[in-house]
N, C-alpha and C. Protein backbone atom coordinates (compact mmCIF):
# COMPACT_ATOMS: atom_id res chain seq x y z
N GLU A 1 197.52 176.31 -3.35
CA GLU A 1 198.71 177.03 -3.77
C GLU A 1 199.70 177.03 -2.63
N SER A 2 200.97 176.95 -2.95
CA SER A 2 202.00 176.98 -1.91
C SER A 2 203.25 177.67 -2.44
N ARG A 3 204.04 178.12 -1.51
CA ARG A 3 205.34 178.70 -1.87
C ARG A 3 206.32 177.56 -2.14
N PRO A 4 207.25 177.73 -3.06
CA PRO A 4 208.24 176.68 -3.31
C PRO A 4 209.04 176.29 -2.07
N ASP A 5 209.24 177.23 -1.14
CA ASP A 5 209.98 176.90 0.08
C ASP A 5 209.09 176.32 1.18
N GLY A 6 207.78 176.22 0.92
CA GLY A 6 206.86 175.62 1.87
C GLY A 6 206.44 176.49 3.04
N ARG A 7 206.98 177.69 3.13
CA ARG A 7 206.65 178.57 4.26
C ARG A 7 205.18 178.94 4.24
N GLY A 8 204.55 178.89 5.40
CA GLY A 8 203.15 179.25 5.54
C GLY A 8 202.18 178.11 5.28
N ALA A 9 202.68 176.97 4.87
CA ALA A 9 201.82 175.83 4.55
C ALA A 9 201.58 174.96 5.79
N ASN A 10 200.44 174.30 5.81
CA ASN A 10 200.13 173.38 6.90
C ASN A 10 201.02 172.15 6.83
N ARG A 11 201.33 171.61 8.00
CA ARG A 11 202.07 170.35 8.09
C ARG A 11 201.51 169.49 9.22
N ASN A 12 200.34 169.85 9.72
CA ASN A 12 199.80 169.22 10.92
C ASN A 12 198.89 168.03 10.64
N ALA A 13 198.81 167.57 9.41
CA ALA A 13 197.97 166.41 9.09
C ALA A 13 198.63 165.61 7.97
N ARG A 14 198.35 164.32 7.95
CA ARG A 14 198.93 163.45 6.92
C ARG A 14 198.57 163.91 5.51
N LEU A 15 197.37 164.47 5.35
CA LEU A 15 196.93 164.94 4.03
C LEU A 15 197.92 165.97 3.47
N PHE A 16 198.35 166.91 4.28
CA PHE A 16 199.29 167.94 3.83
C PHE A 16 200.67 167.35 3.53
N ARG A 17 201.11 166.44 4.37
CA ARG A 17 202.42 165.81 4.14
C ARG A 17 202.40 164.96 2.88
N ALA A 18 201.29 164.28 2.63
CA ALA A 18 201.16 163.48 1.41
C ALA A 18 201.15 164.38 0.17
N ALA A 19 200.45 165.50 0.25
CA ALA A 19 200.40 166.43 -0.88
C ALA A 19 201.79 167.00 -1.18
N ALA A 20 202.59 167.19 -0.16
CA ALA A 20 203.95 167.73 -0.36
C ALA A 20 204.84 166.75 -1.12
N ARG A 21 204.49 165.46 -1.11
CA ARG A 21 205.29 164.45 -1.80
C ARG A 21 204.80 164.17 -3.23
N LEU A 22 203.72 164.79 -3.65
CA LEU A 22 203.19 164.56 -5.00
C LEU A 22 204.16 165.08 -6.05
N PRO A 23 204.19 164.45 -7.24
CA PRO A 23 205.12 164.91 -8.28
C PRO A 23 204.76 166.29 -8.85
N VAL A 24 203.50 166.67 -8.79
CA VAL A 24 203.07 167.99 -9.26
C VAL A 24 202.74 168.84 -8.04
N GLN A 25 203.43 169.96 -7.92
CA GLN A 25 203.22 170.86 -6.78
C GLN A 25 202.47 172.10 -7.24
N GLN A 26 201.62 172.61 -6.39
CA GLN A 26 200.83 173.80 -6.70
C GLN A 26 201.55 175.05 -6.19
N HIS A 27 202.65 175.38 -6.83
CA HIS A 27 203.47 176.51 -6.41
C HIS A 27 202.97 177.81 -7.02
N THR A 28 203.07 178.86 -6.22
CA THR A 28 202.69 180.20 -6.65
C THR A 28 203.40 180.56 -7.96
N GLY A 29 202.64 181.10 -8.90
CA GLY A 29 203.21 181.56 -10.16
C GLY A 29 203.38 180.50 -11.23
N THR A 30 203.02 179.25 -10.93
CA THR A 30 203.15 178.19 -11.93
C THR A 30 201.81 177.93 -12.60
N THR A 31 201.84 177.18 -13.70
CA THR A 31 200.61 176.88 -14.43
C THR A 31 199.65 176.00 -13.63
N THR A 32 200.15 175.29 -12.63
CA THR A 32 199.28 174.41 -11.86
C THR A 32 198.29 175.17 -10.98
N VAL A 33 198.51 176.46 -10.75
CA VAL A 33 197.59 177.23 -9.91
C VAL A 33 196.85 178.31 -10.71
N ARG A 34 196.95 178.27 -12.02
CA ARG A 34 196.25 179.27 -12.82
C ARG A 34 194.75 178.94 -12.86
N VAL A 35 193.96 179.93 -13.17
CA VAL A 35 192.53 179.73 -13.33
C VAL A 35 192.33 178.93 -14.61
N ALA A 36 191.57 177.85 -14.52
CA ALA A 36 191.42 176.92 -15.64
C ALA A 36 190.49 177.48 -16.72
N ALA A 37 190.86 177.22 -17.96
CA ALA A 37 190.00 177.58 -19.09
C ALA A 37 188.72 176.77 -19.00
N PRO A 38 187.61 177.29 -19.40
CA PRO A 38 187.39 178.53 -20.14
C PRO A 38 187.16 179.75 -19.24
N ILE A 39 187.37 179.62 -17.96
CA ILE A 39 187.17 180.75 -17.05
C ILE A 39 188.27 181.78 -17.30
N GLN A 40 187.87 183.04 -17.35
CA GLN A 40 188.83 184.12 -17.52
C GLN A 40 188.68 185.10 -16.37
N VAL A 41 189.78 185.58 -15.85
CA VAL A 41 189.76 186.56 -14.77
C VAL A 41 189.70 187.95 -15.39
N ALA A 42 188.67 188.71 -15.02
CA ALA A 42 188.50 190.08 -15.51
C ALA A 42 189.12 191.06 -14.53
N ASP A 43 189.35 192.27 -14.98
CA ASP A 43 189.95 193.30 -14.12
C ASP A 43 189.14 193.55 -12.87
N GLU A 44 187.82 193.45 -12.96
CA GLU A 44 186.96 193.72 -11.80
C GLU A 44 186.82 192.53 -10.85
N ASP A 45 187.36 191.38 -11.20
CA ASP A 45 187.28 190.19 -10.35
C ASP A 45 188.19 190.33 -9.14
N LEU A 46 187.76 189.76 -8.04
CA LEU A 46 188.56 189.71 -6.83
C LEU A 46 189.16 188.32 -6.72
N VAL A 47 190.47 188.22 -6.72
CA VAL A 47 191.16 186.94 -6.65
C VAL A 47 191.89 186.87 -5.31
N VAL A 48 191.63 185.81 -4.55
CA VAL A 48 192.22 185.65 -3.23
C VAL A 48 193.09 184.39 -3.23
N ARG A 49 194.34 184.53 -2.83
CA ARG A 49 195.25 183.39 -2.74
C ARG A 49 195.12 182.76 -1.36
N ARG A 50 195.34 181.46 -1.32
CA ARG A 50 195.32 180.74 -0.03
C ARG A 50 196.54 179.83 0.01
N LEU A 51 197.35 179.99 1.04
CA LEU A 51 198.57 179.21 1.16
C LEU A 51 198.46 178.08 2.18
N HIS A 52 197.34 177.97 2.85
CA HIS A 52 197.22 176.97 3.91
C HIS A 52 195.76 176.59 4.11
N GLY A 53 195.54 175.50 4.79
CA GLY A 53 194.20 175.10 5.19
C GLY A 53 193.43 174.33 4.15
N LEU A 54 192.20 173.99 4.52
CA LEU A 54 191.34 173.17 3.67
C LEU A 54 190.11 173.91 3.18
N SER A 55 189.95 175.14 3.58
CA SER A 55 188.76 175.91 3.22
C SER A 55 189.15 177.30 2.73
N PRO A 56 188.48 177.81 1.71
CA PRO A 56 188.79 179.16 1.24
C PRO A 56 188.38 180.25 2.22
N LEU A 57 187.61 179.91 3.23
CA LEU A 57 187.15 180.91 4.20
C LEU A 57 188.08 181.05 5.39
N ALA A 58 188.89 180.05 5.65
CA ALA A 58 189.77 180.08 6.83
C ALA A 58 191.09 180.76 6.49
N GLY A 59 191.41 181.81 7.23
CA GLY A 59 192.69 182.47 7.07
C GLY A 59 192.85 183.30 5.81
N THR A 60 191.74 183.70 5.20
CA THR A 60 191.79 184.54 4.00
C THR A 60 190.86 185.74 4.19
N ASP A 61 190.83 186.60 3.19
CA ASP A 61 189.93 187.76 3.21
C ASP A 61 188.58 187.46 2.57
N VAL A 62 188.30 186.21 2.24
CA VAL A 62 187.07 185.88 1.53
C VAL A 62 185.83 186.29 2.33
N ASP A 63 185.79 186.01 3.62
CA ASP A 63 184.62 186.37 4.43
C ASP A 63 184.38 187.88 4.40
N ALA A 64 185.41 188.66 4.63
CA ALA A 64 185.26 190.13 4.62
C ALA A 64 184.82 190.63 3.25
N LEU A 65 185.39 190.08 2.18
CA LEU A 65 185.00 190.49 0.84
C LEU A 65 183.54 190.17 0.56
N LEU A 66 183.11 188.96 0.92
CA LEU A 66 181.71 188.57 0.69
C LEU A 66 180.75 189.46 1.47
N ARG A 67 181.08 189.74 2.72
CA ARG A 67 180.22 190.61 3.53
C ARG A 67 180.16 192.02 2.96
N ASN A 68 181.30 192.54 2.53
CA ASN A 68 181.32 193.88 1.93
C ASN A 68 180.53 193.94 0.63
N LEU A 69 180.44 192.83 -0.07
CA LEU A 69 179.65 192.75 -1.30
C LEU A 69 178.18 192.47 -1.02
N GLY A 70 177.83 192.22 0.24
CA GLY A 70 176.44 191.96 0.61
C GLY A 70 175.99 190.53 0.39
N CYS A 71 176.91 189.62 0.22
CA CYS A 71 176.55 188.21 0.00
C CYS A 71 176.11 187.56 1.31
N ARG A 72 175.03 186.81 1.26
CA ARG A 72 174.54 186.07 2.42
C ARG A 72 174.37 184.59 2.11
N THR A 73 174.20 184.27 0.85
CA THR A 73 174.02 182.88 0.43
C THR A 73 175.17 182.50 -0.50
N LEU A 74 175.79 181.36 -0.24
CA LEU A 74 176.90 180.90 -1.06
C LEU A 74 176.51 179.61 -1.78
N VAL A 75 176.88 179.53 -3.03
CA VAL A 75 176.77 178.30 -3.81
C VAL A 75 178.21 177.81 -3.98
N VAL A 76 178.54 176.72 -3.31
CA VAL A 76 179.92 176.24 -3.25
C VAL A 76 180.12 175.14 -4.28
N THR A 77 181.13 175.31 -5.13
CA THR A 77 181.47 174.30 -6.14
C THR A 77 182.97 174.05 -6.09
N GLY A 78 183.40 173.01 -6.76
CA GLY A 78 184.83 172.73 -6.82
C GLY A 78 185.09 171.29 -7.20
N VAL A 79 186.34 170.89 -7.10
CA VAL A 79 186.73 169.54 -7.51
C VAL A 79 187.02 168.62 -6.34
N SER A 80 187.15 169.16 -5.15
CA SER A 80 187.48 168.34 -3.99
C SER A 80 186.23 168.10 -3.14
N ALA A 81 185.37 167.20 -3.65
CA ALA A 81 184.07 166.97 -3.01
C ALA A 81 184.17 166.32 -1.64
N ASN A 82 185.30 165.70 -1.33
CA ASN A 82 185.42 165.02 -0.04
C ASN A 82 186.19 165.83 1.00
N VAL A 83 186.84 166.93 0.61
CA VAL A 83 187.62 167.70 1.58
C VAL A 83 187.27 169.19 1.52
N ALA A 84 187.62 169.86 0.44
CA ALA A 84 187.47 171.32 0.38
C ALA A 84 186.02 171.77 0.38
N ILE A 85 185.15 171.10 -0.35
CA ILE A 85 183.75 171.52 -0.42
C ILE A 85 183.08 171.41 0.95
N PRO A 86 183.14 170.26 1.63
CA PRO A 86 182.52 170.20 2.97
C PRO A 86 183.12 171.22 3.94
N ASN A 87 184.44 171.40 3.91
CA ASN A 87 185.06 172.38 4.79
C ASN A 87 184.56 173.79 4.51
N ALA A 88 184.45 174.14 3.24
CA ALA A 88 183.95 175.47 2.88
C ALA A 88 182.51 175.66 3.35
N VAL A 89 181.68 174.64 3.17
CA VAL A 89 180.28 174.74 3.60
C VAL A 89 180.18 174.85 5.11
N PHE A 90 180.91 174.02 5.84
CA PHE A 90 180.88 174.09 7.31
C PHE A 90 181.34 175.46 7.79
N ASP A 91 182.44 175.96 7.23
CA ASP A 91 182.93 177.28 7.63
C ASP A 91 181.92 178.37 7.31
N ALA A 92 181.31 178.29 6.13
CA ALA A 92 180.33 179.30 5.73
C ALA A 92 179.13 179.31 6.68
N VAL A 93 178.61 178.15 6.99
CA VAL A 93 177.47 178.07 7.91
C VAL A 93 177.86 178.58 9.29
N ASN A 94 179.05 178.22 9.77
CA ASN A 94 179.51 178.70 11.07
C ASN A 94 179.69 180.21 11.10
N LEU A 95 179.94 180.81 9.94
CA LEU A 95 180.08 182.27 9.85
C LEU A 95 178.75 182.97 9.61
N GLY A 96 177.66 182.19 9.50
CA GLY A 96 176.34 182.78 9.37
C GLY A 96 175.79 182.85 7.96
N TYR A 97 176.50 182.29 6.99
CA TYR A 97 175.99 182.27 5.62
C TYR A 97 174.98 181.15 5.46
N THR A 98 174.14 181.29 4.44
CA THR A 98 173.28 180.20 4.00
C THR A 98 174.05 179.51 2.88
N ALA A 99 174.29 178.23 3.04
CA ALA A 99 175.08 177.52 2.02
C ALA A 99 174.30 176.32 1.51
């Protein structure tokens, strides 16, 4: 997810610069960043936005939320098997989780 003005987004790697040139942008509030069907967000769900980086654990409240919920083991899934998934697993292990 990113802001339309690009503020807060990474620009320090070719991957980010290439993503900024794609015809479909993942801007806050657009359909490209909505939770995909058939998944539905319930009132009790915790939703965390991320405007930068390659891992959901870096620069977000995800670590604090998981610890407060008593989570120690993470099952990591997603669509970016070559970038986001490995980064999330490495970050989780470095933070002491079993992944």
